[in-house]
C-alpha atoms as a PDB file:
ATOM      1  CA  UNK A   1     106.167 105.865  83.267  1.00  0.00           C
ATOM      2  CA  UNK A   2     108.315 105.779  80.108  1.00  0.00           C
ATOM      3  CA  UNK A   3     108.056 102.003  79.737  1.00  0.00           C
ATOM      4  CA  UNK A   4     104.216 102.306  79.987  1.00  0.00           C
ATOM      5  CA  UNK A   5     103.670 104.848  77.221  1.00  0.00           C
ATOM      6  CA  UNK A   6     105.876 102.815  75.163  1.00  0.00           C
ATOM      7  CA  UNK A   7     103.562  99.625  75.539  1.00  0.00           C
ATOM      8  CA  UNK A   8     100.183 101.768  75.176  1.00  0.00           C
ATOM      9  CA  UNK A   9     101.627 103.062  72.235  1.00  0.00           C
ATOM     10  CA  UNK A  10     102.832  99.710  70.691  1.00  0.00           C
ATOM     11  CA  UNK A  11      99.296  98.539  71.619  1.00  0.00           C
ATOM     12  CA  UNK A  12      97.772 100.963  69.598  1.00  0.00           C
ATOM     13  CA  UNK A  13     100.088 100.434  66.640  1.00  0.00           C
ATOM     14  CA  UNK A  14      98.878  96.718  66.237  1.00  0.00           C
ATOM     15  CA  UNK A  15      95.660  97.828  65.426  1.00  0.00           C
ATOM     16  CA  UNK A  16      96.830 100.698  62.776  1.00  0.00           C
ATOM     17  CA  UNK A  17      99.115  98.063  61.327  1.00  0.00           C
ATOM     18  CA  UNK A  18      96.168  95.085  61.153  1.00  0.00           C
ATOM     19  CA  UNK A  19      94.241  97.727  59.025  1.00  0.00           C
ATOM     20  CA  UNK A  20      96.600  99.542  56.938  1.00  0.00           C
ATOM     21  CA  UNK A  21      99.932  97.492  56.461  1.00  0.00           C
ATOM     22  CA  UNK A  22      99.666  96.204  53.185  1.00  0.00           C
ATOM     23  CA  UNK A  23     100.768  92.723  54.359  1.00  0.00           C
ATOM     24  CA  UNK A  24      97.764  92.407  56.018  1.00  0.00           C
ATOM     25  CA  UNK A  25      95.387  94.592  54.020  1.00  0.00           C
ATOM     26  CA  UNK A  26      95.923  93.989  50.442  1.00  0.00           C
ATOM     27  CA  UNK A  27      93.537  96.954  49.559  1.00  0.00           C
ATOM     28  CA  UNK A  28      95.448  99.514  51.503  1.00  0.00           C
ATOM     29  CA  UNK A  29      97.938 102.201  49.615  1.00  0.00           C
ATOM     30  CA  UNK A  30      99.820 103.003  52.554  1.00  0.00           C
ATOM     31  CA  UNK A  31     103.800 102.837  52.269  1.00  0.00           C
ATOM     32  CA  UNK A  32     104.959  99.511  53.430  1.00  0.00           C
ATOM     33  CA  UNK A  33     108.171 101.028  54.362  1.00  0.00           C
ATOM     34  CA  UNK A  34     106.446 103.295  57.064  1.00  0.00           C
ATOM     35  CA  UNK A  35     105.254 100.039  59.188  1.00  0.00           C
ATOM     36  CA  UNK A  36     108.411  98.451  58.923  1.00  0.00           C
ATOM     37  CA  UNK A  37     110.216 101.771  60.279  1.00  0.00           C
ATOM     38  CA  UNK A  38     107.744 102.128  63.401  1.00  0.00           C
ATOM     39  CA  UNK A  39     108.148  98.521  64.081  1.00  0.00           C
ATOM     40  CA  UNK A  40     111.900  98.848  63.924  1.00  0.00           C
ATOM     41  CA  UNK A  41     111.460 102.250  66.435  1.00  0.00           C
ATOM     42  CA  UNK A  42     109.592 100.028  69.086  1.00  0.00           C
ATOM     43  CA  UNK A  43     111.851  96.836  68.755  1.00  0.00           C
ATOM     44  CA  UNK A  44     114.883  99.304  69.731  1.00  0.00           C
ATOM     45  CA  UNK A  45     112.746 101.294  72.620  1.00  0.00           C
ATOM     46  CA  UNK A  46     112.168  97.780  74.063  1.00  0.00           C
ATOM     47  CA  UNK A  47     115.570  96.258  73.574  1.00  0.00           C
ATOM     48  CA  UNK A  48     116.896  99.820  75.151  1.00  0.00           C
ATOM     49  CA  UNK A  49     114.449  99.717  78.194  1.00  0.00           C
ATOM     50  CA  UNK A  50     115.293  95.929  78.656  1.00  0.00           C
ATOM     51  CA  UNK A  51     118.882  96.369  78.710  1.00  0.00           C
ATOM     52  CA  UNK A  52     118.682  99.148  81.041  1.00  0.00           C
ATOM     53  CA  UNK A  53     116.705  97.069  83.436  1.00  0.00           C
ATOM     54  CA  UNK A  54     119.348  94.004  83.232  1.00  0.00           C
ATOM     55  CA  UNK A  55     122.157  96.779  84.234  1.00  0.00           C
ATOM     56  CA  UNK A  56     120.290  98.292  86.625  1.00  0.00           C
ATOM     57  CA  UNK A  57     119.196  95.447  88.819  1.00  0.00           C
ATOM     58  CA  UNK A  58     122.585  93.387  88.104  1.00  0.00           C
ATOM     59  CA  UNK A  59     120.102  89.996  87.299  1.00  0.00           C
ATOM     60  CA  UNK A  60     117.599  88.903  84.295  1.00  0.00           C
ATOM     61  CA  UNK A  61     114.518  90.148  85.737  1.00  0.00           C
ATOM     62  CA  UNK A  62     113.148  90.479  82.140  1.00  0.00           C
ATOM     63  CA  UNK A  63     109.114  90.179  83.601  1.00  0.00           C
ATOM     64  CA  UNK A  64     109.316  93.057  85.817  1.00  0.00           C
ATOM     65  CA  UNK A  65     105.438  93.612  85.124  1.00  0.00           C
ATOM     66  CA  UNK A  66     104.727  94.493  88.657  1.00  0.00           C
ATOM     67  CA  UNK A  67     105.871  97.914  87.842  1.00  0.00           C
ATOM     68  CA  UNK A  68     102.979  98.251  85.373  1.00  0.00           C
ATOM     69  CA  UNK A  69     100.551  96.910  88.133  1.00  0.00           C
ATOM     70  CA  UNK A  70     101.578  99.899  90.773  1.00  0.00           C
ATOM     71  CA  UNK A  71     101.111 102.459  88.086  1.00  0.00           C
ATOM     72  CA  UNK A  72      97.867 100.785  87.292  1.00  0.00           C
ATOM     73  CA  UNK A  73      96.324  99.640  91.172  1.00  0.00           C
ATOM     74  CA  UNK A  74      92.897  98.015  89.580  1.00  0.00           C
ATOM     75  CA  UNK A  75      95.180  96.172  87.260  1.00  0.00           C
ATOM     76  CA  UNK A  76      97.025  94.474  89.987  1.00  0.00           C
ATOM     77  CA  UNK A  77      93.867  93.914  91.847  1.00  0.00           C
ATOM     78  CA  UNK A  78      91.996  91.871  89.106  1.00  0.00           C
ATOM     79  CA  UNK A  79      95.246  89.711  88.304  1.00  0.00           C
ATOM     80  CA  UNK A  80      95.546  89.004  91.967  1.00  0.00           C
ATOM     81  CA  UNK A  81      91.612  88.188  92.399  1.00  0.00           C
ATOM     82  CA  UNK A  82      92.324  85.822  89.558  1.00  0.00           C
ATOM     83  CA  UNK A  83      95.392  84.283  91.075  1.00  0.00           C
ATOM     84  CA  UNK A  84      93.347  83.887  94.001  1.00  0.00           C
ATOM     85  CA  UNK A  85      89.809  82.672  92.379  1.00  0.00           C
ATOM     86  CA  UNK A  86      92.064  79.485  90.550  1.00  0.00           C
ATOM     87  CA  UNK A  87      91.039  77.072  93.360  1.00  0.00           C
ATOM     88  CA  UNK A  88      87.714  77.710  93.185  1.00  0.00           C
ATOM     89  CA  UNK A  89      87.683  77.438  89.351  1.00  0.00           C
ATOM     90  CA  UNK A  90      89.535  74.466  89.372  1.00  0.00           C
ATOM     91  CA  UNK A  91      86.978  73.010  91.809  1.00  0.00           C
ATOM     92  CA  UNK A  92      84.154  73.782  89.500  1.00  0.00           C
ATOM     93  CA  UNK A  93      85.917  72.818  86.109  1.00  0.00           C
ATOM     94  CA  UNK A  94      86.522  69.530  87.870  1.00  0.00           C
ATOM     95  CA  UNK A  95      82.880  68.977  88.808  1.00  0.00           C
ATOM     96  CA  UNK A  96      81.609  70.226  85.693  1.00  0.00           C
ATOM     97  CA  UNK A  97      83.573  67.855  83.943  1.00  0.00           C
ATOM     98  CA  UNK A  98      82.475  64.870  86.150  1.00  0.00           C
ATOM     99  CA  UNK A  99      78.679  65.969  85.298  1.00  0.00           C
ATOM    100  CA  UNK A 100      79.438  66.264  81.707  1.00  0.00           C
ATOM    101  CA  UNK A 101      81.066  62.617  81.501  1.00  0.00           C
ATOM    102  CA  UNK A 102      77.969  61.230  83.424  1.00  0.00           C
ATOM    103  CA  UNK A 103      75.231  62.946  81.116  1.00  0.00           C
ATOM    104  CA  UNK A 104      77.692  62.528  78.039  1.00  0.00           C
ATOM    105  CA  UNK A 105      77.635  58.523  78.669  1.00  0.00           C
ATOM    106  CA  UNK A 106      73.887  58.802  78.924  1.00  0.00           C
ATOM    107  CA  UNK A 107      73.633  60.252  75.654  1.00  0.00           C
ATOM    108  CA  UNK A 108      76.609  58.718  73.685  1.00  0.00           C
ATOM    109  CA  UNK A 109      74.542  55.068  74.566  1.00  0.00           C
ATOM    110  CA  UNK A 110      71.212  56.683  73.301  1.00  0.00           C
ATOM    111  CA  UNK A 111      72.454  58.468  70.148  1.00  0.00           C
ATOM    112  CA  UNK A 112      74.341  55.414  68.864  1.00  0.00           C
ATOM    113  CA  UNK A 113      71.198  53.571  68.761  1.00  0.00           C
ATOM    114  CA  UNK A 114      69.469  56.455  66.947  1.00  0.00           C
ATOM    115  CA  UNK A 115      69.501  57.526  63.533  1.00  0.00           C
ATOM    116  CA  UNK A 116      67.144  60.225  63.030  1.00  0.00           C
ATOM    117  CA  UNK A 117      67.428  63.554  61.916  1.00  0.00           C
ATOM    118  CA  UNK A 118      65.216  65.771  63.474  1.00  0.00           C
ATOM    119  CA  UNK A 119      64.742  69.594  62.116  1.00  0.00           C
ATOM    120  CA  UNK A 120      67.837  69.004  60.242  1.00  0.00           C
ATOM    121  CA  UNK A 121      69.596  68.129  63.185  1.00  0.00           C
ATOM    122  CA  UNK A 122      71.794  64.471  63.285  1.00  0.00           C
ATOM    123  CA  UNK A 123      71.489  62.823  66.330  1.00  0.00           C
ATOM    124  CA  UNK A 124      74.115  60.500  65.443  1.00  0.00           C
ATOM    125  CA  UNK A 125      76.591  63.934  64.834  1.00  0.00           C
ATOM    126  CA  UNK A 126      75.766  65.242  68.180  1.00  0.00           C
ATOM    127  CA  UNK A 127      75.384  62.269  70.710  1.00  0.00           C
ATOM    128  CA  UNK A 128      77.456  59.669  68.485  1.00  0.00           C
ATOM    129  CA  UNK A 129      80.560  59.491  70.205  1.00  0.00           C
ATOM    130  CA  UNK A 130      81.775  60.599  73.772  1.00  0.00           C
ATOM    131  CA  UNK A 131      83.855  63.705  72.345  1.00  0.00           C
ATOM    132  CA  UNK A 132      80.724  64.464  70.357  1.00  0.00           C
ATOM    133  CA  UNK A 133      78.450  64.507  73.519  1.00  0.00           C
ATOM    134  CA  UNK A 134      80.901  66.507  75.306  1.00  0.00           C
ATOM    135  CA  UNK A 135      81.044  69.350  72.734  1.00  0.00           C
ATOM    136  CA  UNK A 136      76.683  69.065  72.493  1.00  0.00           C
ATOM    137  CA  UNK A 137      76.595  69.669  76.172  1.00  0.00           C
ATOM    138  CA  UNK A 138      79.163  72.519  76.312  1.00  0.00           C
ATOM    139  CA  UNK A 139      76.988  74.168  73.633  1.00  0.00           C
ATOM    140  CA  UNK A 140      74.086  73.228  75.510  1.00  0.00           C
ATOM    141  CA  UNK A 141      75.682  74.882  79.109  1.00  0.00           C
ATOM    142  CA  UNK A 142      76.638  78.231  77.070  1.00  0.00           C
ATOM    143  CA  UNK A 143      72.905  78.375  75.707  1.00  0.00           C
ATOM    144  CA  UNK A 144      74.345  78.051  71.688  1.00  0.00           C
ATOM    145  CA  UNK A 145      71.228  77.405  69.689  1.00  0.00           C
ATOM    146  CA  UNK A 146      70.123  74.672  73.055  1.00  0.00           C
ATOM    147  CA  UNK A 147      66.684  75.098  72.580  1.00  0.00           C
ATOM    148  CA  UNK A 148      66.352  74.056  69.249  1.00  0.00           C
ATOM    149  CA  UNK A 149      68.471  70.799  70.063  1.00  0.00           C
ATOM    150  CA  UNK A 150      65.916  70.145  73.157  1.00  0.00           C
ATOM    151  CA  UNK A 151      62.632  70.303  70.602  1.00  0.00           C
ATOM    152  CA  UNK A 152      64.528  68.093  68.365  1.00  0.00           C
ATOM    153  CA  UNK A 153      65.166  65.738  71.110  1.00  0.00           C
ATOM    154  CA  UNK A 154      62.016  66.105  72.763  1.00  0.00           C
ATOM    155  CA  UNK A 155      60.271  64.797  69.240  1.00  0.00           C
ATOM    156  CA  UNK A 156      62.437  61.950  69.129  1.00  0.00           C
ATOM    157  CA  UNK A 157      62.388  60.512  72.811  1.00  0.00           C
ATOM    158  CA  UNK A 158      60.832  62.820  75.532  1.00  0.00           C
ATOM    159  CA  UNK A 159      63.040  61.947  78.086  1.00  0.00           C
ATOM    160  CA  UNK A 160      66.186  62.709  76.109  1.00  0.00           C
ATOM    161  CA  UNK A 161      64.911  66.377  76.347  1.00  0.00           C
ATOM    162  CA  UNK A 162      64.245  66.686  79.589  1.00  0.00           C
ATOM    163  CA  UNK A 163      67.595  64.910  80.647  1.00  0.00           C
ATOM    164  CA  UNK A 164      68.880  68.006  78.634  1.00  0.00           C
ATOM    165  CA  UNK A 165      67.153  70.466  80.693  1.00  0.00           C
ATOM    166  CA  UNK A 166      67.964  68.685  83.577  1.00  0.00           C
ATOM    167  CA  UNK A 167      71.548  69.550  82.915  1.00  0.00           C
ATOM    168  CA  UNK A 168      70.821  72.975  82.018  1.00  0.00           C
ATOM    169  CA  UNK A 169      69.287  73.360  85.723  1.00  0.00           C
ATOM    170  CA  UNK A 170      72.607  71.598  87.399  1.00  0.00           C
ATOM    171  CA  UNK A 171      75.097  72.605  85.031  1.00  0.00           C
ATOM    172  CA  UNK A 172      74.663  76.742  84.207  1.00  0.00           C
ATOM    173  CA  UNK A 173      72.012  77.513  86.449  1.00  0.00           C
ATOM    174  CA  UNK A 174      73.597  75.917  89.681  1.00  0.00           C
ATOM    175  CA  UNK A 175      77.013  75.345  89.311  1.00  0.00           C
ATOM    176  CA  UNK A 176      77.972  78.214  87.050  1.00  0.00           C
ATOM    177  CA  UNK A 177      75.976  80.774  89.257  1.00  0.00           C
ATOM    178  CA  UNK A 178      77.855  79.480  92.122  1.00  0.00           C
ATOM    179  CA  UNK A 179      80.826  80.126  90.747  1.00  0.00           C
ATOM    180  CA  UNK A 180      80.015  83.555  89.890  1.00  0.00           C
ATOM    181  CA  UNK A 181      79.135  84.490  93.607  1.00  0.00           C
ATOM    182  CA  UNK A 182      82.318  82.568  95.022  1.00  0.00           C
ATOM    183  CA  UNK A 183      84.244  84.745  92.058  1.00  0.00           C
ATOM    184  CA  UNK A 184      82.692  88.158  93.294  1.00  0.00           C
ATOM    185  CA  UNK A 185      83.163  87.335  96.922  1.00  0.00           C
ATOM    186  CA  UNK A 186      87.127  86.389  95.920  1.00  0.00           C
ATOM    187  CA  UNK A 187      87.358  89.431  94.031  1.00  0.00           C
ATOM    188  CA  UNK A 188      85.922  91.840  96.935  1.00  0.00           C
ATOM    189  CA  UNK A 189      88.216  90.160  99.457  1.00  0.00           C
ATOM    190  CA  UNK A 190      90.866  90.408  97.518  1.00  0.00           C
ATOM    191  CA  UNK A 191      90.307  94.329  96.528  1.00  0.00           C
ATOM    192  CA  UNK A 192      89.824  95.103 100.133  1.00  0.00           C
ATOM    193  CA  UNK A 193      92.739  93.509 101.315  1.00  0.00           C
ATOM    194  CA  UNK A 194      94.600  95.400  98.221  1.00  0.00           C
ATOM    195  CA  UNK A 195      92.947  98.731  99.579  1.00  0.00           C
ATOM    196  CA  UNK A 196      93.883  98.139 102.681  1.00  0.00           C
ATOM    197  CA  UNK A 197      97.539  98.035 102.030  1.00  0.00           C
ATOM    198  CA  UNK A 198      97.231 101.199  99.602  1.00  0.00           C
ATOM    199  CA  UNK A 199      95.647 103.041 102.516  1.00  0.00           C
ATOM    200  CA  UNK A 200      98.569 101.786 104.620  1.00  0.00           C
ATOM    201  CA  UNK A 201     101.254 102.843 102.661  1.00  0.00           C
ATOM    202  CA  UNK A 202      99.063 106.478 102.390  1.00  0.00           C
ATOM    203  CA  UNK A 203      98.771 106.703 106.353  1.00  0.00           C
ATOM    204  CA  UNK A 204     102.479 106.020 106.779  1.00  0.00           C
ATOM    205  CA  UNK A 205     103.764 108.522 103.934  1.00  0.00           C
ATOM    206  CA  UNK A 206     100.985 111.317 105.911  1.00  0.00           C
ATOM    207  CA  UNK A 207     102.979 110.030 109.601  1.00  0.00           C
ATOM    208  CA  UNK A 208     106.382 110.624 107.862  1.00  0.00           C
ATOM    209  CA  UNK A 209     105.154 114.054 106.319  1.00  0.00           C
ATOM    210  CA  UNK A 210     103.862 114.894 110.048  1.00  0.00           C
ATOM    211  CA  UNK A 211     107.087 113.751 111.598  1.00  0.00           C
ATOM    212  CA  UNK A 212     108.785 116.975 110.810  1.00  0.00           C
ATOM    213  CA  UNK A 213     111.738 116.319 113.221  1.00  0.00           C
ATOM    214  CA  UNK A 214     111.955 112.459 112.210  1.00  0.00           C
ATOM    215  CA  UNK A 215     111.889 111.158 115.619  1.00  0.00           C
ATOM    216  CA  UNK A 216     109.410 108.666 115.108  1.00  0.00           C
ATOM    217  CA  UNK A 217     106.721 110.594 116.915  1.00  0.00           C
ATOM    218  CA  UNK A 218     104.391 113.215 116.351  1.00  0.00           C
ATOM    219  CA  UNK A 219     103.558 116.055 118.771  1.00  0.00           C
ATOM    220  CA  UNK A 220     100.531 118.011 119.396  1.00  0.00           C
ATOM    221  CA  UNK A 221     102.136 121.250 117.174  1.00  0.00           C
ATOM    222  CA  UNK A 222     103.506 119.223 114.826  1.00  0.00           C
ATOM    223  CA  UNK A 223      99.792 117.381 114.270  1.00  0.00           C
ATOM    224  CA  UNK A 224      98.351 120.537 113.865  1.00  0.00           C
ATOM    225  CA  UNK A 225     100.674 122.143 111.327  1.00  0.00           C
ATOM    226  CA  UNK A 226     100.220 119.247 109.072  1.00  0.00           C
ATOM    227  CA  UNK A 227      96.353 118.450 109.559  1.00  0.00           C
ATOM    228  CA  UNK A 228      94.613 119.714 106.352  1.00  0.00           C
ATOM    229  CA  UNK A 229      97.440 117.857 104.418  1.00  0.00           C
ATOM    230  CA  UNK A 230      96.862 114.822 106.130  1.00  0.00           C
ATOM    231  CA  UNK A 231      93.142 115.016 105.970  1.00  0.00           C
ATOM    232  CA  UNK A 232      93.947 115.120 101.893  1.00  0.00           C
ATOM    233  CA  UNK A 233      95.932 112.345 101.808  1.00  0.00           C
ATOM    234  CA  UNK A 234      94.255 110.025 104.190  1.00  0.00           C
ATOM    235  CA  UNK A 235      90.718 110.962 103.093  1.00  0.00           C
ATOM    236  CA  UNK A 236      89.450 111.736 106.509  1.00  0.00           C
ATOM    237  CA  UNK A 237      86.993 114.712 106.978  1.00  0.00           C
ATOM    238  CA  UNK A 238      89.164 118.003 108.503  1.00  0.00           C
ATOM    239  CA  UNK A 239      86.424 118.340 111.238  1.00  0.00           C
ATOM    240  CA  UNK A 240      86.680 114.636 112.447  1.00  0.00           C
ATOM    241  CA  UNK A 241      90.765 114.692 112.698  1.00  0.00           C
ATOM    242  CA  UNK A 242      91.008 117.984 114.405  1.00  0.00           C
ATOM    243  CA  UNK A 243      90.074 116.240 118.122  1.00  0.00           C
ATOM    244  CA  UNK A 244      91.686 112.972 117.254  1.00  0.00           C
ATOM    245  CA  UNK A 245      94.790 114.130 118.590  1.00  0.00           C
ATOM    246  CA  UNK A 246      93.442 113.201 122.270  1.00  0.00           C
ATOM    247  CA  UNK A 247      91.893 110.050 121.321  1.00  0.00           C
ATOM    248  CA  UNK A 248      95.160 109.178 119.035  1.00  0.00           C
ATOM    249  CA  UNK A 249      97.123 109.559 122.349  1.00  0.00           C
ATOM    250  CA  UNK A 250      96.017 106.699 124.249  1.00  0.00           C
ATOM    251  CA  UNK A 251      98.843 106.625 126.912  1.00  0.00           C
ATOM    252  CA  UNK A 252      98.384 110.758 127.225  1.00  0.00           C
ATOM    253  CA  UNK A 253     101.946 110.982 126.682  1.00  0.00           C
ATOM    254  CA  UNK A 254     101.729 114.164 124.521  1.00  0.00           C
ATOM    255  CA  UNK A 255     103.131 112.381 121.364  1.00  0.00           C
ATOM    256  CA  UNK A 256     101.558 109.646 119.023  1.00  0.00           C
ATOM    257  CA  UNK A 257     103.879 106.971 117.318  1.00  0.00           C
ATOM    258  CA  UNK A 258     103.390 105.139 114.143  1.00  0.00           C
ATOM    259  CA  UNK A 259     100.922 102.464 115.379  1.00  0.00           C
ATOM    260  CA  UNK A 260      98.921 104.535 117.472  1.00  0.00           C
ATOM    261  CA  UNK A 261      98.622 107.022 114.596  1.00  0.00           C
ATOM    262  CA  UNK A 262      97.672 103.955 111.849  1.00  0.00           C
ATOM    263  CA  UNK A 263      95.185 102.114 114.538  1.00  0.00           C
ATOM    264  CA  UNK A 264      93.115 105.653 114.630  1.00  0.00           C
ATOM    265  CA  UNK A 265      93.004 106.358 111.296  1.00  0.00           C
ATOM    266  CA  UNK A 266      91.807 102.873 110.454  1.00  0.00           C
ATOM    267  CA  UNK A 267      89.119 103.069 113.438  1.00  0.00           C
ATOM    268  CA  UNK A 268      87.849 106.643 112.160  1.00  0.00           C
ATOM    269  CA  UNK A 269      87.405 105.458 108.635  1.00  0.00           C
ATOM    270  CA  UNK A 270      86.086 102.211 109.087  1.00  0.00           C
ATOM    271  CA  UNK A 271      82.718 101.876 111.147  1.00  0.00           C
ATOM    272  CA  UNK A 272      83.300  99.959 114.493  1.00  0.00           C
ATOM    273  CA  UNK A 273      82.609  96.157 114.430  1.00  0.00           C
ATOM    274  CA  UNK A 274      80.515  93.892 116.722  1.00  0.00           C
ATOM    275  CA  UNK A 275      83.734  93.099 118.711  1.00  0.00           C
ATOM    276  CA  UNK A 276      85.162  96.306 119.548  1.00  0.00           C
ATOM    277  CA  UNK A 277      81.315  97.405 120.748  1.00  0.00           C
ATOM    278  CA  UNK A 278      81.178  94.040 122.953  1.00  0.00           C
ATOM    279  CA  UNK A 279      85.034  95.049 124.118  1.00  0.00           C
ATOM    280  CA  UNK A 280      83.949  98.369 125.007  1.00  0.00           C
ATOM    281  CA  UNK A 281      80.748  97.064 126.833  1.00  0.00           C
ATOM    282  CA  UNK A 282      82.913  94.777 128.754  1.00  0.00           C
ATOM    283  CA  UNK A 283      85.356  97.262 130.001  1.00  0.00           C
ATOM    284  CA  UNK A 284      82.630  99.633 131.183  1.00  0.00           C
ATOM    285  CA  UNK A 285      81.013  96.614 132.697  1.00  0.00           C
ATOM    286  CA  UNK A 286      84.626  96.565 134.757  1.00  0.00           C
ATOM    287  CA  UNK A 287      84.989 100.000 135.255  1.00  0.00           C
ATOM    288  CA  UNK A 288      83.213 100.262 138.727  1.00  0.00           C
ATOM    289  CA  UNK A 289      85.168  97.230 140.160  1.00  0.00           C
ATOM    290  CA  UNK A 290      88.321  99.000 138.844  1.00  0.00           C
ATOM    291  CA  UNK A 291      87.525 102.332 140.623  1.00  0.00           C
ATOM    292  CA  UNK A 292      86.760 100.617 143.663  1.00  0.00           C
ATOM    293  CA  UNK A 293      89.960  98.999 143.954  1.00  0.00           C
ATOM    294  CA  UNK A 294      91.569 101.972 143.124  1.00  0.00           C
ATOM    295  CA  UNK A 295      90.128 104.257 145.786  1.00  0.00           C
ATOM    296  CA  UNK A 296      91.025 101.101 148.466  1.00  0.00           C
ATOM    297  CA  UNK A 297      94.348 101.178 147.363  1.00  0.00           C
ATOM    298  CA  UNK A 298      94.544 105.202 147.673  1.00  0.00           C
ATOM    299  CA  UNK A 299      92.958 104.521 151.429  1.00  0.00           C
ATOM    300  CA  UNK A 300      95.238 102.225 152.190  1.00  0.00           C
ATOM    301  CA  UNK A 301      98.104 104.011 151.331  1.00  0.00           C
ATOM    302  CA  UNK A 302      96.871 107.267 153.323  1.00  0.00           C
ATOM    303  CA  UNK A 303      96.123 105.059 156.574  1.00  0.00           C
ATOM    304  CA  UNK A 304      99.284 103.852 156.242  1.00  0.00           C
ATOM    305  CA  UNK A 305     101.126 106.887 156.169  1.00  0.00           C
ATOM    306  CA  UNK A 306      98.875 108.037 159.475  1.00  0.00           C
ATOM    307  CA  UNK A 307      99.904 105.210 161.154  1.00  0.00           C
ATOM    308  CA  UNK A 308     103.685 105.850 160.472  1.00  0.00           C
ATOM    309  CA  UNK A 309     103.341 109.418 161.844  1.00  0.00           C
ATOM    310  CA  UNK A 310     101.841 107.975 165.527  1.00  0.00           C
ATOM    311  CA  UNK A 311      98.644 106.698 166.579  1.00  0.00           C
ATOM    312  CA  UNK A 312      97.969 110.282 168.319  1.00  0.00           C
ATOM    313  CA  UNK A 313      98.179 112.039 165.354  1.00  0.00           C
ATOM    314  CA  UNK A 314      94.695 113.621 164.030  1.00  0.00           C
ATOM    315  CA  UNK A 315      94.558 116.000 161.234  1.00  0.00           C
ATOM    316  CA  UNK A 316      93.239 119.482 161.527  1.00  0.00           C
ATOM    317  CA  UNK A 317      90.170 120.297 162.607  1.00  0.00           C
ATOM    318  CA  UNK A 318      88.071 123.186 161.907  1.00  0.00           C
ATOM    319  CA  UNK A 319      85.181 124.663 164.520  1.00  0.00           C
ATOM    320  CA  UNK A 320      82.028 124.760 164.345  1.00  0.00           C
ATOM    321  CA  UNK A 321      80.542 128.286 163.869  1.00  0.00           C
ATOM    322  CA  UNK A 322      79.863 129.427 167.536  1.00  0.00           C
ATOM    323  CA  UNK A 323      82.578 127.394 168.786  1.00  0.00           C
ATOM    324  CA  UNK A 324      85.482 129.223 170.830  1.00  0.00           C
ATOM    325  CA  UNK A 325      88.714 127.823 170.001  1.00  0.00           C
ATOM    326  CA  UNK A 326      91.293 127.670 173.174  1.00  0.00           C
ATOM    327  CA  UNK A 327      93.289 130.781 173.312  1.00  0.00           C
ATOM    328  CA  UNK A 328      96.925 130.962 173.141  1.00  0.00           C
ATOM    329  CA  UNK A 329      96.634 131.313 177.316  1.00  0.00           C
ATOM    330  CA  UNK A 330      94.433 128.435 177.686  1.00  0.00           C
ATOM    331  CA  UNK A 331      95.384 124.887 178.354  1.00  0.00           C
ATOM    332  CA  UNK A 332      95.213 123.191 174.697  1.00  0.00           C
ATOM    333  CA  UNK A 333      92.859 119.902 174.388  1.00  0.00           C
ATOM    334  CA  UNK A 334      94.792 116.603 174.935  1.00  0.00           C
ATOM    335  CA  UNK A 335      94.142 113.877 172.246  1.00  0.00           C
ATOM    336  CA  UNK A 336      91.745 112.133 174.711  1.00  0.00           C
ATOM    337  CA  UNK A 337      89.373 115.014 175.843  1.00  0.00           C
ATOM    338  CA  UNK A 338      86.801 116.082 173.753  1.00  0.00           C
ATOM    339  CA  UNK A 339      87.198 118.920 171.180  1.00  0.00           C
ATOM    340  CA  UNK A 340      84.055 120.518 169.480  1.00  0.00           C
ATOM    341  CA  UNK A 341      83.880 119.675 165.710  1.00  0.00           C
ATOM    342  CA  UNK A 342      86.367 116.915 165.716  1.00  0.00           C
ATOM    343  CA  UNK A 343      86.228 113.286 164.372  1.00  0.00           C
ATOM    344  CA  UNK A 344      83.886 111.388 166.617  1.00  0.00           C
ATOM    345  CA  UNK A 345      82.089 114.060 167.883  1.00  0.00           C
ATOM    346  CA  UNK A 346      78.177 113.345 167.194  1.00  0.00           C
END
């Protein structure tokens, strides 16, 4: 944090020095010694910080700008987006140079043969050589007094003016706008990835804070005691997180580990994707078959138990209302006799 403050102060002082330093502005009456003293102070602070970093890391890590990026995440996102967009920008640059070269050859051949000056615009100066044509086409590309040049060319040769209009359509309206679209997509993807990393770090920090005993899992008691703080850190509404423990505890173990916690938090924060909905639908379609298979397995195990206890085994029988069961002195029914209410009695 100290280094960032010094950098910001130095950046502000550069502007003050530019406006009020007598060496930069002869009309300034500010004391010159003041600017010299402040410059020496900043030099000492930067040298001190550099020496501390070298001694702390035991290696010449002089360009540790990543610390500033961690303090200002948005700045890091912009730099990473620029790095990710290098390929797209390079491809667009090569394509634009190729198109400018083709148009430059055509316009240079015409410009060398035309010594006309129209509206104080000399065609030889504009298109007398390939470098001149490149410079003029770049001027047209960024709309720097473009249509004054186009009108002058149309007064001399109409097809040259239309050629410049075609170049504007191809170069400015098509290629550059496509580049803007690609850059927007690259920046959006990079920002999304960086935000996901930041959120994952916050979720991990929240999990560590909820794990009071440090065993790598969160119990129901730990979850309930830290739920309000977790809701603020992660950004999930409290009412949604209150009933999330049962959903997060996928294996019904009464505890949730780090993987389960992170996955469910991301599912609660993000809307379901199409593949997740299709997966749930597929599992629901397979549920009846799974239940039938489980029930058949249970019935098979029970029948196996019955067969192991003997072939003449019958389960306890309940008598129908009005049926008198045999008393202790009477002869009990054998398994081959019909007992009212027994299995098979119709």
